[in-house]
Amino acid sequence: MASRQNKVDVVLEYIDIAEVEILKRWHDPTVKDILRHLIEKGIVEPKRLRNYMIIYDFDCMLRKNEGNRTYTFMDLSIKYDISERQAQSIVYKERNKEVVTKNILI
């Protein structure tokens, strides 16, 4: 099992710093403002956003395709201009990164 990279105190310190920076820039920030700030600062990579959207779309498309994974991966590969295998890898490997206990060492 891979080790978790972020200790909870480092994460909390970063949250405090980000809060100060964001409140300086916007007095009443929205979620869109916060995400924009994180992307512009290079904290959130565009590839990570794409992977998140692929996973999100996978769940939506899977319902639309009535549980047919083959068609769902085909649809994802067309929408994002990637191979079906790449779409599968992203869905199966990146989904675990959304679990807090895999990311933050408490």
PDB file of N, CA and C in Angstrom:
ATOM      1  N   MET A   1       0.839  -1.178   0.000  1.00  0.00           N
ATOM      2  CA  MET A   1       0.000   0.000   0.000  1.00  0.00           C
ATOM      3  C   MET A   1       0.884   1.241   0.000  1.00  0.00           C
ATOM      4  N   ALA A   2       0.554   2.190  -0.803  1.00  0.00           N
ATOM      5  CA  ALA A   2       1.325   3.429  -0.886  1.00  0.00           C
ATOM      6  C   ALA A   2       1.129   4.251   0.381  1.00  0.00           C
ATOM      7  N   SER A   3       2.175   4.963   0.768  1.00  0.00           N
ATOM      8  CA  SER A   3       2.066   5.784   1.967  1.00  0.00           C
ATOM      9  C   SER A   3       1.332   7.080   1.643  1.00  0.00           C
ATOM     10  N   ARG A   4       0.651   7.587   2.627  1.00  0.00           N
ATOM     11  CA  ARG A   4      -0.049   8.860   2.468  1.00  0.00           C
ATOM     12  C   ARG A   4       0.964   9.982   2.591  1.00  0.00           C
ATOM     13  N   GLN A   5       0.858  10.946   1.720  1.00  0.00           N
ATOM     14  CA  GLN A   5       1.878  11.972   1.613  1.00  0.00           C
ATOM     15  C   GLN A   5       1.655  13.174   2.518  1.00  0.00           C
ATOM     16  N   ASN A   6       0.440  13.433   2.907  1.00  0.00           N
ATOM     17  CA  ASN A   6       0.127  14.679   3.585  1.00  0.00           C
ATOM     18  C   ASN A   6      -0.255  14.459   5.038  1.00  0.00           C
ATOM     19  N   LYS A   7       0.502  15.074   5.930  1.00  0.00           N
ATOM     20  CA  LYS A   7       0.138  15.024   7.341  1.00  0.00           C
ATOM     21  C   LYS A   7      -0.964  16.042   7.568  1.00  0.00           C
ATOM     22  N   VAL A   8      -1.844  15.747   8.492  1.00  0.00           N
ATOM     23  CA  VAL A   8      -3.021  16.583   8.707  1.00  0.00           C
ATOM     24  C   VAL A   8      -2.625  18.008   9.100  1.00  0.00           C
ATOM     25  N   ASP A   9      -1.545  18.203   9.852  1.00  0.00           N
ATOM     26  CA  ASP A   9      -1.142  19.554  10.249  1.00  0.00           C
ATOM     27  C   ASP A   9      -0.652  20.371   9.048  1.00  0.00           C
ATOM     28  N   VAL A  10       0.003  19.722   8.093  1.00  0.00           N
ATOM     29  CA  VAL A  10       0.441  20.419   6.882  1.00  0.00           C
ATOM     30  C   VAL A  10      -0.773  20.819   6.046  1.00  0.00           C
ATOM     31  N   VAL A  11      -1.732  19.940   5.946  1.00  0.00           N
ATOM     32  CA  VAL A  11      -2.953  20.234   5.191  1.00  0.00           C
ATOM     33  C   VAL A  11      -3.695  21.398   5.832  1.00  0.00           C
ATOM     34  N   LEU A  12      -3.842  21.377   7.139  1.00  0.00           N
ATOM     35  CA  LEU A  12      -4.550  22.466   7.831  1.00  0.00           C
ATOM     36  C   LEU A  12      -3.812  23.796   7.693  1.00  0.00           C
ATOM     37  N   GLU A  13      -2.480  23.765   7.746  1.00  0.00           N
ATOM     38  CA  GLU A  13      -1.688  24.987   7.556  1.00  0.00           C
ATOM     39  C   GLU A  13      -1.893  25.545   6.147  1.00  0.00           C
ATOM     40  N   TYR A  14      -1.895  24.648   5.150  1.00  0.00           N
ATOM     41  CA  TYR A  14      -2.131  25.089   3.784  1.00  0.00           C
ATOM     42  C   TYR A  14      -3.517  25.714   3.644  1.00  0.00           C
ATOM     43  N   ILE A  15      -4.512  25.116   4.260  1.00  0.00           N
ATOM     44  CA  ILE A  15      -5.879  25.649   4.191  1.00  0.00           C
ATOM     45  C   ILE A  15      -5.923  27.059   4.756  1.00  0.00           C
ATOM     46  N   ASP A  16      -5.230  27.293   5.853  1.00  0.00           N
ATOM     47  CA  ASP A  16      -5.194  28.638   6.443  1.00  0.00           C
ATOM     48  C   ASP A  16      -4.530  29.640   5.497  1.00  0.00           C
ATOM     49  N   ILE A  17      -3.428  29.252   4.880  1.00  0.00           N
ATOM     50  CA  ILE A  17      -2.726  30.140   3.937  1.00  0.00           C
ATOM     51  C   ILE A  17      -3.605  30.432   2.732  1.00  0.00           C
ATOM     52  N   ALA A  18      -4.224  29.396   2.183  1.00  0.00           N
ATOM     53  CA  ALA A  18      -5.092  29.575   1.015  1.00  0.00           C
ATOM     54  C   ALA A  18      -6.270  30.479   1.352  1.00  0.00           C
ATOM     55  N   GLU A  19      -6.805  30.339   2.547  1.00  0.00           N
ATOM     56  CA  GLU A  19      -7.936  31.180   2.956  1.00  0.00           C
ATOM     57  C   GLU A  19      -7.549  32.656   2.954  1.00  0.00           C
ATOM     58  N   VAL A  20      -6.369  32.967   3.502  1.00  0.00           N
ATOM     59  CA  VAL A  20      -5.903  34.349   3.540  1.00  0.00           C
ATOM     60  C   VAL A  20      -5.718  34.890   2.123  1.00  0.00           C
ATOM     61  N   GLU A  21      -5.056  34.112   1.258  1.00  0.00           N
ATOM     62  CA  GLU A  21      -4.825  34.553  -0.126  1.00  0.00           C
ATOM     63  C   GLU A  21      -6.133  34.775  -0.876  1.00  0.00           C
ATOM     64  N   ILE A  22      -7.066  33.869  -0.701  1.00  0.00           N
ATOM     65  CA  ILE A  22      -8.342  33.962  -1.425  1.00  0.00           C
ATOM     66  C   ILE A  22      -9.172  35.128  -0.925  1.00  0.00           C
ATOM     67  N   LEU A  23      -9.193  35.345   0.382  1.00  0.00           N
ATOM     68  CA  LEU A  23      -9.966  36.465   0.930  1.00  0.00           C
ATOM     69  C   LEU A  23      -9.358  37.817   0.560  1.00  0.00           C
ATOM     70  N   LYS A  24      -8.030  37.866   0.339  1.00  0.00           N
ATOM     71  CA  LYS A  24      -7.413  39.103  -0.142  1.00  0.00           C
ATOM     72  C   LYS A  24      -7.884  39.420  -1.557  1.00  0.00           C
ATOM     73  N   ARG A  25      -8.033  38.379  -2.352  1.00  0.00           N
ATOM     74  CA  ARG A  25      -8.396  38.551  -3.753  1.00  0.00           C
ATOM     75  C   ARG A  25      -9.898  38.793  -3.936  1.00  0.00           C
ATOM     76  N   TRP A  26     -10.711  38.040  -3.232  1.00  0.00           N
ATOM     77  CA  TRP A  26     -12.169  38.186  -3.298  1.00  0.00           C
ATOM     78  C   TRP A  26     -12.700  38.323  -1.874  1.00  0.00           C
ATOM     79  N   HIS A  27     -13.564  39.271  -1.659  1.00  0.00           N
ATOM     80  CA  HIS A  27     -14.100  39.469  -0.309  1.00  0.00           C
ATOM     81  C   HIS A  27     -15.178  38.454   0.031  1.00  0.00           C
ATOM     82  N   ASP A  28     -15.896  37.988  -0.960  1.00  0.00           N
ATOM     83  CA  ASP A  28     -16.935  36.983  -0.755  1.00  0.00           C
ATOM     84  C   ASP A  28     -16.778  35.909  -1.844  1.00  0.00           C
ATOM     85  N   PRO A  29     -15.763  35.028  -1.706  1.00  0.00           N
ATOM     86  CA  PRO A  29     -15.453  34.086  -2.782  1.00  0.00           C
ATOM     87  C   PRO A  29     -16.505  32.991  -2.941  1.00  0.00           C
ATOM     88  N   THR A  30     -16.704  32.599  -4.178  1.00  0.00           N
ATOM     89  CA  THR A  30     -17.555  31.455  -4.473  1.00  0.00           C
ATOM     90  C   THR A  30     -16.663  30.235  -4.684  1.00  0.00           C
ATOM     91  N   VAL A  31     -17.269  29.089  -4.846  1.00  0.00           N
ATOM     92  CA  VAL A  31     -16.494  27.874  -5.109  1.00  0.00           C
ATOM     93  C   VAL A  31     -15.711  28.029  -6.407  1.00  0.00           C
ATOM     94  N   LYS A  32     -16.318  28.651  -7.399  1.00  0.00           N
ATOM     95  CA  LYS A  32     -15.625  28.878  -8.670  1.00  0.00           C
ATOM     96  C   LYS A  32     -14.390  29.744  -8.470  1.00  0.00           C
ATOM     97  N   ASP A  33     -14.493  30.770  -7.635  1.00  0.00           N
ATOM     98  CA  ASP A  33     -13.345  31.633  -7.352  1.00  0.00           C
ATOM     99  C   ASP A  33     -12.214  30.845  -6.692  1.00  0.00           C
ATOM    100  N   ILE A  34     -12.575  30.002  -5.751  1.00  0.00           N
ATOM    101  CA  ILE A  34     -11.575  29.210  -5.038  1.00  0.00           C
ATOM    102  C   ILE A  34     -10.874  28.244  -5.989  1.00  0.00           C
ATOM    103  N   LEU A  35     -11.642  27.544  -6.803  1.00  0.00           N
ATOM    104  CA  LEU A  35     -11.027  26.616  -7.763  1.00  0.00           C
ATOM    105  C   LEU A  35     -10.146  27.349  -8.754  1.00  0.00           C
ATOM    106  N   ARG A  36     -10.615  28.488  -9.221  1.00  0.00           N
ATOM    107  CA  ARG A  36      -9.813  29.280 -10.154  1.00  0.00           C
ATOM    108  C   ARG A  36      -8.477  29.670  -9.519  1.00  0.00           C
ATOM    109  N   HIS A  37      -8.505  30.080  -8.259  1.00  0.00           N
ATOM    110  CA  HIS A  37      -7.294  30.457  -7.535  1.00  0.00           C
ATOM    111  C   HIS A  37      -6.331  29.265  -7.456  1.00  0.00           C
ATOM    112  N   LEU A  38      -6.853  28.101  -7.106  1.00  0.00           N
ATOM    113  CA  LEU A  38      -6.007  26.914  -6.973  1.00  0.00           C
ATOM    114  C   LEU A  38      -5.394  26.508  -8.311  1.00  0.00           C
ATOM    115  N   ILE A  39      -6.151  26.647  -9.378  1.00  0.00           N
ATOM    116  CA  ILE A  39      -5.634  26.311 -10.702  1.00  0.00           C
ATOM    117  C   ILE A  39      -4.573  27.316 -11.132  1.00  0.00           C
ATOM    118  N   GLU A  40      -4.858  28.613 -10.939  1.00  0.00           N
ATOM    119  CA  GLU A  40      -3.901  29.648 -11.343  1.00  0.00           C
ATOM    120  C   GLU A  40      -2.599  29.561 -10.568  1.00  0.00           C
ATOM    121  N   LYS A  41      -2.656  29.143  -9.303  1.00  0.00           N
ATOM    122  CA  LYS A  41      -1.447  29.008  -8.485  1.00  0.00           C
ATOM    123  C   LYS A  41      -0.673  27.717  -8.803  1.00  0.00           C
ATOM    124  N   GLY A  42      -1.258  26.862  -9.634  1.00  0.00           N
ATOM    125  CA  GLY A  42      -0.594  25.613  -9.988  1.00  0.00           C
ATOM    126  C   GLY A  42      -0.754  24.533  -8.947  1.00  0.00           C
ATOM    127  N   ILE A  43      -1.643  24.727  -8.008  1.00  0.00           N
ATOM    128  CA  ILE A  43      -1.860  23.740  -6.953  1.00  0.00           C
ATOM    129  C   ILE A  43      -2.685  22.577  -7.488  1.00  0.00           C
ATOM    130  N   VAL A  44      -3.652  22.886  -8.321  1.00  0.00           N
ATOM    131  CA  VAL A  44      -4.463  21.867  -8.970  1.00  0.00           C
ATOM    132  C   VAL A  44      -4.039  21.821 -10.437  1.00  0.00           C
ATOM    133  N   GLU A  45      -3.555  20.669 -10.871  1.00  0.00           N
ATOM    134  CA  GLU A  45      -3.081  20.512 -12.245  1.00  0.00           C
ATOM    135  C   GLU A  45      -4.262  20.337 -13.187  1.00  0.00           C
ATOM    136  N   PRO A  46      -4.170  20.882 -14.399  1.00  0.00           N
ATOM    137  CA  PRO A  46      -5.234  20.671 -15.380  1.00  0.00           C
ATOM    138  C   PRO A  46      -5.508  19.184 -15.647  1.00  0.00           C
ATOM    139  N   LYS A  47      -4.458  18.368 -15.616  1.00  0.00           N
ATOM    140  CA  LYS A  47      -4.638  16.932 -15.828  1.00  0.00           C
ATOM    141  C   LYS A  47      -5.485  16.328 -14.717  1.00  0.00           C
ATOM    142  N   ARG A  48      -5.293  16.787 -13.502  1.00  0.00           N
ATOM    143  CA  ARG A  48      -6.077  16.290 -12.367  1.00  0.00           C
ATOM    144  C   ARG A  48      -7.546  16.669 -12.527  1.00  0.00           C
ATOM    145  N   LEU A  49      -7.804  17.876 -13.031  1.00  0.00           N
ATOM    146  CA  LEU A  49      -9.184  18.296 -13.287  1.00  0.00           C
ATOM    147  C   LEU A  49      -9.809  17.416 -14.367  1.00  0.00           C
ATOM    148  N   ARG A  50      -9.056  17.160 -15.424  1.00  0.00           N
ATOM    149  CA  ARG A  50      -9.566  16.300 -16.494  1.00  0.00           C
ATOM    150  C   ARG A  50      -9.897  14.918 -15.958  1.00  0.00           C
ATOM    151  N   ASN A  51      -9.011  14.362 -15.144  1.00  0.00           N
ATOM    152  CA  ASN A  51      -9.255  13.037 -14.579  1.00  0.00           C
ATOM    153  C   ASN A  51     -10.498  13.033 -13.690  1.00  0.00           C
ATOM    154  N   TYR A  52     -10.680  14.091 -12.912  1.00  0.00           N
ATOM    155  CA  TYR A  52     -11.870  14.192 -12.071  1.00  0.00           C
ATOM    156  C   TYR A  52     -13.123  14.199 -12.944  1.00  0.00           C
ATOM    157  N   MET A  53     -13.074  14.972 -14.032  1.00  0.00           N
ATOM    158  CA  MET A  53     -14.233  15.059 -14.922  1.00  0.00           C
ATOM    159  C   MET A  53     -14.485  13.725 -15.627  1.00  0.00           C
ATOM    160  N   ILE A  54     -13.450  12.992 -15.949  1.00  0.00           N
ATOM    161  CA  ILE A  54     -13.624  11.674 -16.570  1.00  0.00           C
ATOM    162  C   ILE A  54     -14.327  10.734 -15.598  1.00  0.00           C
ATOM    163  N   ILE A  55     -13.910  10.737 -14.344  1.00  0.00           N
ATOM    164  CA  ILE A  55     -14.545   9.887 -13.335  1.00  0.00           C
ATOM    165  C   ILE A  55     -16.000  10.308 -13.115  1.00  0.00           C
ATOM    166  N   TYR A  56     -16.231  11.607 -13.042  1.00  0.00           N
ATOM    167  CA  TYR A  56     -17.591  12.126 -12.865  1.00  0.00           C
ATOM    168  C   TYR A  56     -18.468  11.724 -14.055  1.00  0.00           C
ATOM    169  N   ASP A  57     -17.952  11.934 -15.261  1.00  0.00           N
ATOM    170  CA  ASP A  57     -18.711  11.575 -16.465  1.00  0.00           C
ATOM    171  C   ASP A  57     -18.917  10.069 -16.572  1.00  0.00           C
ATOM    172  N   PHE A  58     -17.949   9.286 -16.114  1.00  0.00           N
ATOM    173  CA  PHE A  58     -18.097   7.831 -16.141  1.00  0.00           C
ATOM    174  C   PHE A  58     -19.340   7.413 -15.370  1.00  0.00           C
ATOM    175  N   ASP A  59     -19.500   7.945 -14.170  1.00  0.00           N
ATOM    176  CA  ASP A  59     -20.661   7.587 -13.355  1.00  0.00           C
ATOM    177  C   ASP A  59     -21.969   8.011 -14.028  1.00  0.00           C
ATOM    178  N   CYS A  60     -21.987   9.221 -14.594  1.00  0.00           N
ATOM    179  CA  CYS A  60     -23.195   9.708 -15.283  1.00  0.00           C
ATOM    180  C   CYS A  60     -23.485   8.893 -16.538  1.00  0.00           C
ATOM    181  N   MET A  61     -22.452   8.657 -17.344  1.00  0.00           N
ATOM    182  CA  MET A  61     -22.637   7.917 -18.594  1.00  0.00           C
ATOM    183  C   MET A  61     -22.995   6.456 -18.345  1.00  0.00           C
ATOM    184  N   LEU A  62     -22.488   5.885 -17.272  1.00  0.00           N
ATOM    185  CA  LEU A  62     -22.781   4.489 -16.954  1.00  0.00           C
ATOM    186  C   LEU A  62     -24.277   4.314 -16.702  1.00  0.00           C
ATOM    187  N   ARG A  63     -24.883   5.277 -16.015  1.00  0.00           N
ATOM    188  CA  ARG A  63     -26.337   5.229 -15.802  1.00  0.00           C
ATOM    189  C   ARG A  63     -27.071   5.363 -17.131  1.00  0.00           C
ATOM    190  N   LYS A  64     -26.610   6.284 -17.970  1.00  0.00           N
ATOM    191  CA  LYS A  64     -27.246   6.512 -19.269  1.00  0.00           C
ATOM    192  C   LYS A  64     -27.122   5.275 -20.160  1.00  0.00           C
ATOM    193  N   ASN A  65     -25.981   4.599 -20.091  1.00  0.00           N
ATOM    194  CA  ASN A  65     -25.738   3.408 -20.910  1.00  0.00           C
ATOM    195  C   ASN A  65     -26.242   2.134 -20.233  1.00  0.00           C
ATOM    196  N   GLU A  66     -27.051   2.289 -19.199  1.00  0.00           N
ATOM    197  CA  GLU A  66     -27.684   1.167 -18.489  1.00  0.00           C
ATOM    198  C   GLU A  66     -26.674   0.146 -17.990  1.00  0.00           C
ATOM    199  N   GLY A  67     -25.578   0.631 -17.447  1.00  0.00           N
ATOM    200  CA  GLY A  67     -24.579  -0.241 -16.839  1.00  0.00           C
ATOM    201  C   GLY A  67     -23.598  -0.881 -17.802  1.00  0.00           C
ATOM    202  N   ASN A  68     -23.633  -0.542 -19.066  1.00  0.00           N
ATOM    203  CA  ASN A  68     -22.725  -1.124 -20.040  1.00  0.00           C
ATOM    204  C   ASN A  68     -21.394  -0.372 -20.016  1.00  0.00           C
ATOM    205  N   ARG A  69     -20.386  -0.988 -19.417  1.00  0.00           N
ATOM    206  CA  ARG A  69     -19.084  -0.342 -19.259  1.00  0.00           C
ATOM    207  C   ARG A  69     -18.365  -0.160 -20.589  1.00  0.00           C
ATOM    208  N   THR A  70     -18.526  -1.097 -21.514  1.00  0.00           N
ATOM    209  CA  THR A  70     -17.847  -0.997 -22.807  1.00  0.00           C
ATOM    210  C   THR A  70     -18.252   0.270 -23.536  1.00  0.00           C
ATOM    211  N   TYR A  71     -19.558   0.513 -23.627  1.00  0.00           N
ATOM    212  CA  TYR A  71     -20.045   1.719 -24.303  1.00  0.00           C
ATOM    213  C   TYR A  71     -19.644   2.979 -23.540  1.00  0.00           C
ATOM    214  N   THR A  72     -19.632   2.871 -22.227  1.00  0.00           N
ATOM    215  CA  THR A  72     -19.263   4.033 -21.412  1.00  0.00           C
ATOM    216  C   THR A  72     -17.816   4.425 -21.669  1.00  0.00           C
ATOM    217  N   PHE A  73     -16.905   3.462 -21.695  1.00  0.00           N
ATOM    218  CA  PHE A  73     -15.503   3.783 -21.966  1.00  0.00           C
ATOM    219  C   PHE A  73     -15.312   4.278 -23.393  1.00  0.00           C
ATOM    220  N   MET A  74     -16.100   3.770 -24.321  1.00  0.00           N
ATOM    221  CA  MET A  74     -16.041   4.280 -25.693  1.00  0.00           C
ATOM    222  C   MET A  74     -16.477   5.747 -25.731  1.00  0.00           C
ATOM    223  N   ASP A  75     -17.569   6.059 -25.035  1.00  0.00           N
ATOM    224  CA  ASP A  75     -18.058   7.443 -24.987  1.00  0.00           C
ATOM    225  C   ASP A  75     -17.035   8.385 -24.356  1.00  0.00           C
ATOM    226  N   LEU A  76     -16.398   7.929 -23.272  1.00  0.00           N
ATOM    227  CA  LEU A  76     -15.379   8.748 -22.609  1.00  0.00           C
ATOM    228  C   LEU A  76     -14.190   8.992 -23.534  1.00  0.00           C
ATOM    229  N   SER A  77     -13.768   7.964 -24.231  1.00  0.00           N
ATOM    230  CA  SER A  77     -12.600   8.119 -25.099  1.00  0.00           C
ATOM    231  C   SER A  77     -12.885   9.113 -26.223  1.00  0.00           C
ATOM    232  N   ILE A  78     -14.103   9.120 -26.717  1.00  0.00           N
ATOM    233  CA  ILE A  78     -14.475  10.075 -27.763  1.00  0.00           C
ATOM    234  C   ILE A  78     -14.542  11.489 -27.194  1.00  0.00           C
ATOM    235  N   LYS A  79     -15.206  11.644 -26.056  1.00  0.00           N
ATOM    236  CA  LYS A  79     -15.381  12.981 -25.477  1.00  0.00           C
ATOM    237  C   LYS A  79     -14.050  13.634 -25.111  1.00  0.00           C
ATOM    238  N   TYR A  80     -13.134  12.863 -24.527  1.00  0.00           N
ATOM    239  CA  TYR A  80     -11.872  13.428 -24.032  1.00  0.00           C
ATOM    240  C   TYR A  80     -10.691  13.191 -24.977  1.00  0.00           C
ATOM    241  N   ASP A  81     -10.930  12.572 -26.125  1.00  0.00           N
ATOM    242  CA  ASP A  81      -9.898  12.310 -27.118  1.00  0.00           C
ATOM    243  C   ASP A  81      -8.725  11.534 -26.516  1.00  0.00           C
ATOM    244  N   ILE A  82      -9.068  10.447 -25.826  1.00  0.00           N
ATOM    245  CA  ILE A  82      -8.083   9.540 -25.246  1.00  0.00           C
ATOM    246  C   ILE A  82      -8.472   8.128 -25.666  1.00  0.00           C
ATOM    247  N   SER A  83      -7.579   7.171 -25.435  1.00  0.00           N
ATOM    248  CA  SER A  83      -7.901   5.786 -25.776  1.00  0.00           C
ATOM    249  C   SER A  83      -8.843   5.206 -24.723  1.00  0.00           C
ATOM    250  N   GLU A  84      -9.536   4.135 -25.100  1.00  0.00           N
ATOM    251  CA  GLU A  84     -10.423   3.469 -24.144  1.00  0.00           C
ATOM    252  C   GLU A  84      -9.619   2.927 -22.962  1.00  0.00           C
ATOM    253  N   ARG A  85      -8.452   2.417 -23.247  1.00  0.00           N
ATOM    254  CA  ARG A  85      -7.593   1.878 -22.176  1.00  0.00           C
ATOM    255  C   ARG A  85      -7.175   2.981 -21.208  1.00  0.00           C
ATOM    256  N   GLN A  86      -6.873   4.152 -21.734  1.00  0.00           N
ATOM    257  CA  GLN A  86      -6.490   5.271 -20.889  1.00  0.00           C
ATOM    258  C   GLN A  86      -7.674   5.691 -20.017  1.00  0.00           C
ATOM    259  N   ALA A  87      -8.870   5.694 -20.584  1.00  0.00           N
ATOM    260  CA  ALA A  87     -10.067   6.033 -19.808  1.00  0.00           C
ATOM    261  C   ALA A  87     -10.270   5.020 -18.682  1.00  0.00           C
ATOM    262  N   GLN A  88     -10.069   3.747 -18.982  1.00  0.00           N
ATOM    263  CA  GLN A  88     -10.207   2.711 -17.955  1.00  0.00           C
ATOM    264  C   GLN A  88      -9.185   2.905 -16.840  1.00  0.00           C
ATOM    265  N   SER A  89      -7.948   3.171 -17.224  1.00  0.00           N
ATOM    266  CA  SER A  89      -6.891   3.369 -16.224  1.00  0.00           C
ATOM    267  C   SER A  89      -7.212   4.537 -15.308  1.00  0.00           C
ATOM    268  N   ILE A  90      -7.693   5.619 -15.885  1.00  0.00           N
ATOM    269  CA  ILE A  90      -8.016   6.794 -15.079  1.00  0.00           C
ATOM    270  C   ILE A  90      -9.141   6.473 -14.107  1.00  0.00           C
ATOM    271  N   VAL A  91     -10.190   5.839 -14.593  1.00  0.00           N
ATOM    272  CA  VAL A  91     -11.338   5.532 -13.728  1.00  0.00           C
ATOM    273  C   VAL A  91     -10.924   4.582 -12.608  1.00  0.00           C
ATOM    274  N   TYR A  92     -10.211   3.526 -12.940  1.00  0.00           N
ATOM    275  CA  TYR A  92      -9.896   2.518 -11.930  1.00  0.00           C
ATOM    276  C   TYR A  92      -8.760   2.923 -10.990  1.00  0.00           C
ATOM    277  N   LYS A  93      -7.767   3.660 -11.477  1.00  0.00           N
ATOM    278  CA  LYS A  93      -6.624   4.017 -10.629  1.00  0.00           C
ATOM    279  C   LYS A  93      -6.796   5.344  -9.901  1.00  0.00           C
ATOM    280  N   GLU A  94      -7.435   6.306 -10.541  1.00  0.00           N
ATOM    281  CA  GLU A  94      -7.536   7.644  -9.950  1.00  0.00           C
ATOM    282  C   GLU A  94      -8.690   7.760  -8.960  1.00  0.00           C
ATOM    283  N   ARG A  95      -9.688   6.905  -9.068  1.00  0.00           N
ATOM    284  CA  ARG A  95     -10.850   7.001  -8.173  1.00  0.00           C
ATOM    285  C   ARG A  95     -10.430   6.895  -6.704  1.00  0.00           C
ATOM    286  N   ASN A  96      -9.421   6.086  -6.416  1.00  0.00           N
ATOM    287  CA  ASN A  96      -8.962   5.926  -5.030  1.00  0.00           C
ATOM    288  C   ASN A  96      -8.429   7.222  -4.440  1.00  0.00           C
ATOM    289  N   LYS A  97      -7.976   8.144  -5.290  1.00  0.00           N
ATOM    290  CA  LYS A  97      -7.404   9.387  -4.794  1.00  0.00           C
ATOM    291  C   LYS A  97      -8.452  10.313  -4.194  1.00  0.00           C
ATOM    292  N   GLU A  98      -9.730   9.995  -4.410  1.00  0.00           N
ATOM    293  CA  GLU A  98     -10.802  10.799  -3.838  1.00  0.00           C
ATOM    294  C   GLU A  98     -11.088  10.418  -2.386  1.00  0.00           C
ATOM    295  N   VAL A  99     -10.491   9.339  -1.901  1.00  0.00           N
ATOM    296  CA  VAL A  99     -10.723   8.857  -0.544  1.00  0.00           C
ATOM    297  C   VAL A  99      -9.768   9.587   0.396  1.00  0.00           C
ATOM    298  N   VAL A 100     -10.317  10.277   1.385  1.00  0.00           N
ATOM    299  CA  VAL A 100      -9.503  11.098   2.297  1.00  0.00           C
ATOM    300  C   VAL A 100      -8.449  10.272   3.011  1.00  0.00           C
ATOM    301  N   THR A 101      -8.789   9.079   3.469  1.00  0.00           N
ATOM    302  CA  THR A 101      -7.827   8.282   4.227  1.00  0.00           C
ATOM    303  C   THR A 101      -6.646   7.816   3.373  1.00  0.00           C
ATOM    304  N   LYS A 102      -6.764   7.896   2.063  1.00  0.00           N
ATOM    305  CA  LYS A 102      -5.644   7.547   1.185  1.00  0.00           C
ATOM    306  C   LYS A 102      -4.750   8.759   0.918  1.00  0.00           C
ATOM    307  N   ASN A 103      -5.219   9.954   1.272  1.00  0.00           N
ATOM    308  CA  ASN A 103      -4.493  11.185   0.963  1.00  0.00           C
ATOM    309  C   ASN A 103      -3.903  11.888   2.171  1.00  0.00           C
ATOM    310  N   ILE A 104      -4.569  11.826   3.301  1.00  0.00           N
ATOM    311  CA  ILE A 104      -4.147  12.599   4.467  1.00  0.00           C
ATOM    312  C   ILE A 104      -3.813  11.663   5.621  1.00  0.00           C
ATOM    313  N   LEU A 105      -2.633  11.809   6.161  1.00  0.00           N
ATOM    314  CA  LEU A 105      -2.189  11.007   7.301  1.00  0.00           C
ATOM    315  C   LEU A 105      -2.686  11.675   8.568  1.00  0.00           C
ATOM    316  N   ILE A 106      -3.578  11.001   9.240  1.00  0.00           N
ATOM    317  CA  ILE A 106      -4.181  11.584  10.457  1.00  0.00           C
ATOM    318  C   ILE A 106      -3.474  11.064  11.683  1.00  0.00           C
TER     319      ILE A 106
END
